[in-house]
Amino acid sequence: MQFGVGVEYAFHSLFYLVDIPEHKPVGIRQIAELHGITESYLSKVFAKLRRAGLVRSIPGVKGGYELARPAEDVSFWDIIEAVEGPSFFFQCAEIRKKNIFVDDPSAFTNKCPCLIKVVMQEAEELLRGSLRARSLRWLHDQVCRDFPERKKKAISEWIKGI
């Protein structure tokens, strides 16, 4: 299991939207410059975040993006699922049905699930639960509390400048 770099871009970008005043959107160019990444790739990430309802786009010259809901209502899992999609990590192909020692492949039904699939899905649900328990607000508060005052001031100035 490996998440794409788009997940990291999403987390780092949304982190800075937490303190942005409502109705003061931030442009993709500004966010891309902040992180030293390409505007085109970040636009694709933000399109996924918008479709998932995590951000909203504001059109126009002074347009851009803002959070679509409070940061405490955006979980880590929401962000990952928006960028990566909703599918399970483990995709059971039921290869046990093709095993040469199986006499009757039709015996494998929902009443007899693949134990490997069951364990993998249980583990994935534990991971998802852990990621649902952490919010964008939690991340922001945890990280910002350790920022030196000069960094907090620089971020505040950046926000004022947008």
C-alpha atoms as a PDB file:
ATOM      1  CA  MET A   1       0.000   0.000   0.000  1.00  0.00           C
ATOM      2  CA  GLN A   2       1.336   3.362  -0.983  1.00  0.00           C
ATOM      3  CA  PHE A   3      -0.416   6.685  -1.312  1.00  0.00           C
ATOM      4  CA  GLY A   4       0.537   8.930  -4.201  1.00  0.00           C
ATOM      5  CA  VAL A   5       2.303  12.250  -3.721  1.00  0.00           C
ATOM      6  CA  GLY A   6      -1.015  13.976  -4.428  1.00  0.00           C
ATOM      7  CA  VAL A   7      -2.135  13.015  -0.920  1.00  0.00           C
ATOM      8  CA  GLU A   8       0.857  14.821   0.571  1.00  0.00           C
ATOM      9  CA  TYR A   9       0.212  17.879  -1.613  1.00  0.00           C
ATOM     10  CA  ALA A  10      -3.419  17.872  -0.480  1.00  0.00           C
ATOM     11  CA  PHE A  11      -2.534  17.731   3.225  1.00  0.00           C
ATOM     12  CA  HIS A  12       0.096  20.466   3.015  1.00  0.00           C
ATOM     13  CA  SER A  13      -2.123  22.702   0.905  1.00  0.00           C
ATOM     14  CA  LEU A  14      -5.249  22.290   3.021  1.00  0.00           C
ATOM     15  CA  PHE A  15      -3.160  22.965   6.125  1.00  0.00           C
ATOM     16  CA  TYR A  16      -2.729  26.592   5.016  1.00  0.00           C
ATOM     17  CA  LEU A  17      -6.418  27.021   4.151  1.00  0.00           C
ATOM     18  CA  VAL A  18      -7.409  26.453   7.783  1.00  0.00           C
ATOM     19  CA  ASP A  19      -6.544  30.023   8.838  1.00  0.00           C
ATOM     20  CA  ILE A  20      -7.830  31.714   5.698  1.00  0.00           C
ATOM     21  CA  PRO A  21     -10.820  33.957   6.465  1.00  0.00           C
ATOM     22  CA  GLU A  22     -14.083  32.873   4.878  1.00  0.00           C
ATOM     23  CA  HIS A  23     -14.738  34.385   1.437  1.00  0.00           C
ATOM     24  CA  LYS A  24     -11.041  35.151   0.918  1.00  0.00           C
ATOM     25  CA  PRO A  25     -10.070  32.334  -1.453  1.00  0.00           C
ATOM     26  CA  VAL A  26      -6.491  31.402  -2.217  1.00  0.00           C
ATOM     27  CA  GLY A  27      -5.391  30.896  -5.814  1.00  0.00           C
ATOM     28  CA  ILE A  28      -3.763  27.713  -7.021  1.00  0.00           C
ATOM     29  CA  ARG A  29      -0.732  29.731  -8.112  1.00  0.00           C
ATOM     30  CA  GLN A  30      -0.204  31.043  -4.568  1.00  0.00           C
ATOM     31  CA  ILE A  31      -0.486  27.584  -3.026  1.00  0.00           C
ATOM     32  CA  ALA A  32       1.775  26.032  -5.670  1.00  0.00           C
ATOM     33  CA  GLU A  33       4.404  28.732  -5.107  1.00  0.00           C
ATOM     34  CA  LEU A  34       4.177  28.183  -1.360  1.00  0.00           C
ATOM     35  CA  HIS A  35       5.141  24.535  -1.811  1.00  0.00           C
ATOM     36  CA  GLY A  36       7.368  24.848  -4.867  1.00  0.00           C
ATOM     37  CA  ILE A  37       5.177  22.539  -6.964  1.00  0.00           C
ATOM     38  CA  THR A  38       3.575  22.887 -10.368  1.00  0.00           C
ATOM     39  CA  GLU A  39       0.281  24.684 -10.721  1.00  0.00           C
ATOM     40  CA  SER A  40      -1.037  22.131 -13.221  1.00  0.00           C
ATOM     41  CA  TYR A  41      -0.540  19.141 -10.932  1.00  0.00           C
ATOM     42  CA  LEU A  42      -1.940  20.956  -7.899  1.00  0.00           C
ATOM     43  CA  SER A  43      -5.000  21.934  -9.964  1.00  0.00           C
ATOM     44  CA  LYS A  44      -5.710  18.248 -10.549  1.00  0.00           C
ATOM     45  CA  VAL A  45      -5.433  17.533  -6.823  1.00  0.00           C
ATOM     46  CA  PHE A  46      -7.757  20.426  -6.000  1.00  0.00           C
ATOM     47  CA  ALA A  47     -10.272  19.256  -8.597  1.00  0.00           C
ATOM     48  CA  LYS A  48     -10.499  15.965  -6.679  1.00  0.00           C
ATOM     49  CA  LEU A  49     -10.809  17.800  -3.355  1.00  0.00           C
ATOM     50  CA  ARG A  50     -13.587  19.938  -4.833  1.00  0.00           C
ATOM     51  CA  ARG A  51     -15.500  16.922  -6.189  1.00  0.00           C
ATOM     52  CA  ALA A  52     -15.293  15.377  -2.710  1.00  0.00           C
ATOM     53  CA  GLY A  53     -16.751  18.532  -1.160  1.00  0.00           C
ATOM     54  CA  LEU A  54     -13.650  19.391   0.876  1.00  0.00           C
ATOM     55  CA  VAL A  55     -12.961  22.697  -0.866  1.00  0.00           C
ATOM     56  CA  ARG A  56     -15.035  25.027  -2.972  1.00  0.00           C
ATOM     57  CA  SER A  57     -13.804  27.047  -5.882  1.00  0.00           C
ATOM     58  CA  ILE A  58     -14.607  30.707  -6.180  1.00  0.00           C
ATOM     59  CA  PRO A  59     -14.522  31.978  -9.767  1.00  0.00           C
ATOM     60  CA  GLY A  60     -13.203  35.312 -10.907  1.00  0.00           C
ATOM     61  CA  VAL A  61     -10.080  37.440 -10.805  1.00  0.00           C
ATOM     62  CA  LYS A  62      -9.941  37.330  -7.012  1.00  0.00           C
ATOM     63  CA  GLY A  63     -11.104  33.712  -7.019  1.00  0.00           C
ATOM     64  CA  GLY A  64      -9.440  30.555  -5.814  1.00  0.00           C
ATOM     65  CA  TYR A  65     -10.196  27.919  -3.211  1.00  0.00           C
ATOM     66  CA  GLU A  66     -11.416  27.838   0.359  1.00  0.00           C
ATOM     67  CA  LEU A  67     -12.413  25.049   2.709  1.00  0.00           C
ATOM     68  CA  ALA A  68     -15.984  23.908   2.055  1.00  0.00           C
ATOM     69  CA  ARG A  69     -16.525  22.855   5.658  1.00  0.00           C
ATOM     70  CA  PRO A  70     -14.912  23.471   9.036  1.00  0.00           C
ATOM     71  CA  ALA A  71     -11.424  22.004   9.445  1.00  0.00           C
ATOM     72  CA  GLU A  72     -12.602  19.916  12.405  1.00  0.00           C
ATOM     73  CA  ASP A  73     -15.051  18.188  10.036  1.00  0.00           C
ATOM     74  CA  VAL A  74     -12.377  17.168   7.518  1.00  0.00           C
ATOM     75  CA  SER A  75     -10.707  13.912   8.516  1.00  0.00           C
ATOM     76  CA  PHE A  76      -7.421  12.522   7.307  1.00  0.00           C
ATOM     77  CA  TRP A  77      -9.423   9.740   5.657  1.00  0.00           C
ATOM     78  CA  ASP A  78     -11.634  12.294   3.844  1.00  0.00           C
ATOM     79  CA  ILE A  79      -8.527  13.810   2.261  1.00  0.00           C
ATOM     80  CA  ILE A  80      -6.960  10.478   1.328  1.00  0.00           C
ATOM     81  CA  GLU A  81     -10.192   9.128  -0.122  1.00  0.00           C
ATOM     82  CA  ALA A  82     -10.755  12.330  -2.122  1.00  0.00           C
ATOM     83  CA  VAL A  83      -7.347  12.055  -3.789  1.00  0.00           C
ATOM     84  CA  GLU A  84      -6.911   8.275  -4.026  1.00  0.00           C
ATOM     85  CA  GLY A  85     -10.519   7.146  -4.454  1.00  0.00           C
ATOM     86  CA  PRO A  86     -12.790   4.960  -2.327  1.00  0.00           C
ATOM     87  CA  SER A  87     -11.590   1.473  -3.263  1.00  0.00           C
ATOM     88  CA  PHE A  88     -10.208  -1.086  -0.841  1.00  0.00           C
ATOM     89  CA  PHE A  89      -6.435  -1.552  -0.773  1.00  0.00           C
ATOM     90  CA  PHE A  90      -6.739  -5.322  -1.026  1.00  0.00           C
ATOM     91  CA  GLN A  91      -8.669  -6.566  -4.024  1.00  0.00           C
ATOM     92  CA  CYS A  92      -9.550 -10.234  -3.567  1.00  0.00           C
ATOM     93  CA  ALA A  93      -9.631 -12.009  -6.944  1.00  0.00           C
ATOM     94  CA  GLU A  94     -10.959 -15.248  -5.393  1.00  0.00           C
ATOM     95  CA  ILE A  95      -8.038 -17.221  -6.795  1.00  0.00           C
ATOM     96  CA  ARG A  96      -8.881 -19.980  -4.321  1.00  0.00           C
ATOM     97  CA  LYS A  97     -11.648 -21.053  -6.736  1.00  0.00           C
ATOM     98  CA  LYS A  98      -9.017 -21.952  -9.359  1.00  0.00           C
ATOM     99  CA  ASN A  99      -6.873 -24.060  -7.030  1.00  0.00           C
ATOM    100  CA  ILE A 100      -6.280 -27.582  -8.366  1.00  0.00           C
ATOM    101  CA  PHE A 101      -7.225 -29.088  -4.998  1.00  0.00           C
ATOM    102  CA  VAL A 102     -10.690 -27.526  -4.971  1.00  0.00           C
ATOM    103  CA  ASP A 103     -13.363 -30.038  -5.903  1.00  0.00           C
ATOM    104  CA  ASP A 104     -16.301 -27.621  -6.115  1.00  0.00           C
ATOM    105  CA  PRO A 105     -15.536 -23.919  -6.716  1.00  0.00           C
ATOM    106  CA  SER A 106     -19.242 -23.076  -6.295  1.00  0.00           C
ATOM    107  CA  ALA A 107     -18.898 -23.999  -2.613  1.00  0.00           C
ATOM    108  CA  PHE A 108     -17.223 -20.645  -2.076  1.00  0.00           C
ATOM    109  CA  THR A 109     -20.087 -18.256  -1.388  1.00  0.00           C
ATOM    110  CA  ASN A 110     -20.725 -15.266   0.845  1.00  0.00           C
ATOM    111  CA  LYS A 111     -21.266 -17.777   3.653  1.00  0.00           C
ATOM    112  CA  CYS A 112     -17.681 -18.921   3.163  1.00  0.00           C
ATOM    113  CA  PRO A 113     -15.650 -15.756   2.607  1.00  0.00           C
ATOM    114  CA  CYS A 114     -11.953 -15.874   1.887  1.00  0.00           C
ATOM    115  CA  LEU A 115     -10.274 -15.584   5.277  1.00  0.00           C
ATOM    116  CA  ILE A 116      -7.377 -13.643   3.762  1.00  0.00           C
ATOM    117  CA  LYS A 117      -9.847 -11.051   2.443  1.00  0.00           C
ATOM    118  CA  VAL A 118     -11.602 -10.871   5.824  1.00  0.00           C
ATOM    119  CA  VAL A 119      -8.348 -10.219   7.706  1.00  0.00           C
ATOM    120  CA  MET A 120      -7.134  -7.676   5.157  1.00  0.00           C
ATOM    121  CA  GLN A 121     -10.430  -5.780   5.258  1.00  0.00           C
ATOM    122  CA  GLU A 122     -10.427  -5.794   9.066  1.00  0.00           C
ATOM    123  CA  ALA A 123      -6.915  -4.334   9.074  1.00  0.00           C
ATOM    124  CA  GLU A 124      -7.871  -1.726   6.505  1.00  0.00           C
ATOM    125  CA  GLU A 125     -10.918  -0.712   8.532  1.00  0.00           C
ATOM    126  CA  LEU A 126      -8.700  -0.201  11.581  1.00  0.00           C
ATOM    127  CA  LEU A 127      -6.457   2.049   9.494  1.00  0.00           C
ATOM    128  CA  ARG A 128      -9.433   3.965   8.120  1.00  0.00           C
ATOM    129  CA  GLY A 129     -10.860   4.365  11.618  1.00  0.00           C
ATOM    130  CA  SER A 130      -7.592   5.774  12.887  1.00  0.00           C
ATOM    131  CA  LEU A 131      -7.436   8.213   9.964  1.00  0.00           C
ATOM    132  CA  ARG A 132     -11.077   9.235  10.484  1.00  0.00           C
ATOM    133  CA  ALA A 133     -10.245  10.087  14.110  1.00  0.00           C
ATOM    134  CA  ARG A 134      -7.776  12.818  13.107  1.00  0.00           C
ATOM    135  CA  SER A 135      -8.970  16.039  11.536  1.00  0.00           C
ATOM    136  CA  LEU A 136      -7.411  18.822   9.551  1.00  0.00           C
ATOM    137  CA  ARG A 137      -8.018  21.078  12.584  1.00  0.00           C
ATOM    138  CA  TRP A 138      -6.125  18.624  14.825  1.00  0.00           C
ATOM    139  CA  LEU A 139      -3.185  18.584  12.385  1.00  0.00           C
ATOM    140  CA  HIS A 140      -3.132  22.365  12.160  1.00  0.00           C
ATOM    141  CA  ASP A 141      -3.266  22.853  15.928  1.00  0.00           C
ATOM    142  CA  GLN A 142      -0.598  20.232  16.637  1.00  0.00           C
ATOM    143  CA  VAL A 143       1.838  21.596  14.087  1.00  0.00           C
ATOM    144  CA  CYS A 144       1.278  25.306  14.740  1.00  0.00           C
ATOM    145  CA  ARG A 145       1.781  25.066  18.489  1.00  0.00           C
ATOM    146  CA  ASP A 146       5.459  24.286  17.889  1.00  0.00           C
ATOM    147  CA  PHE A 147       6.022  27.035  15.310  1.00  0.00           C
ATOM    148  CA  PRO A 148       8.357  29.806  16.447  1.00  0.00           C
ATOM    149  CA  GLU A 149       6.756  33.260  16.564  1.00  0.00           C
ATOM    150  CA  ARG A 150       8.645  34.407  13.460  1.00  0.00           C
ATOM    151  CA  LYS A 151       7.118  31.570  11.432  1.00  0.00           C
ATOM    152  CA  LYS A 152       3.621  32.317  12.756  1.00  0.00           C
ATOM    153  CA  LYS A 153       4.120  35.957  11.788  1.00  0.00           C
ATOM    154  CA  ALA A 154       5.366  35.014   8.312  1.00  0.00           C
ATOM    155  CA  ILE A 155       2.298  32.828   7.750  1.00  0.00           C
ATOM    156  CA  SER A 156       0.030  35.609   8.975  1.00  0.00           C
ATOM    157  CA  GLU A 157       1.699  38.037   6.553  1.00  0.00           C
ATOM    158  CA  TRP A 158       1.310  35.543   3.719  1.00  0.00           C
ATOM    159  CA  ILE A 159      -2.415  35.271   4.491  1.00  0.00           C
ATOM    160  CA  LYS A 160      -2.796  39.075   4.590  1.00  0.00           C
ATOM    161  CA  GLY A 161      -1.099  39.287   1.195  1.00  0.00           C
ATOM    162  CA  ILE A 162      -3.498  37.009  -0.626  1.00  0.00           C
END
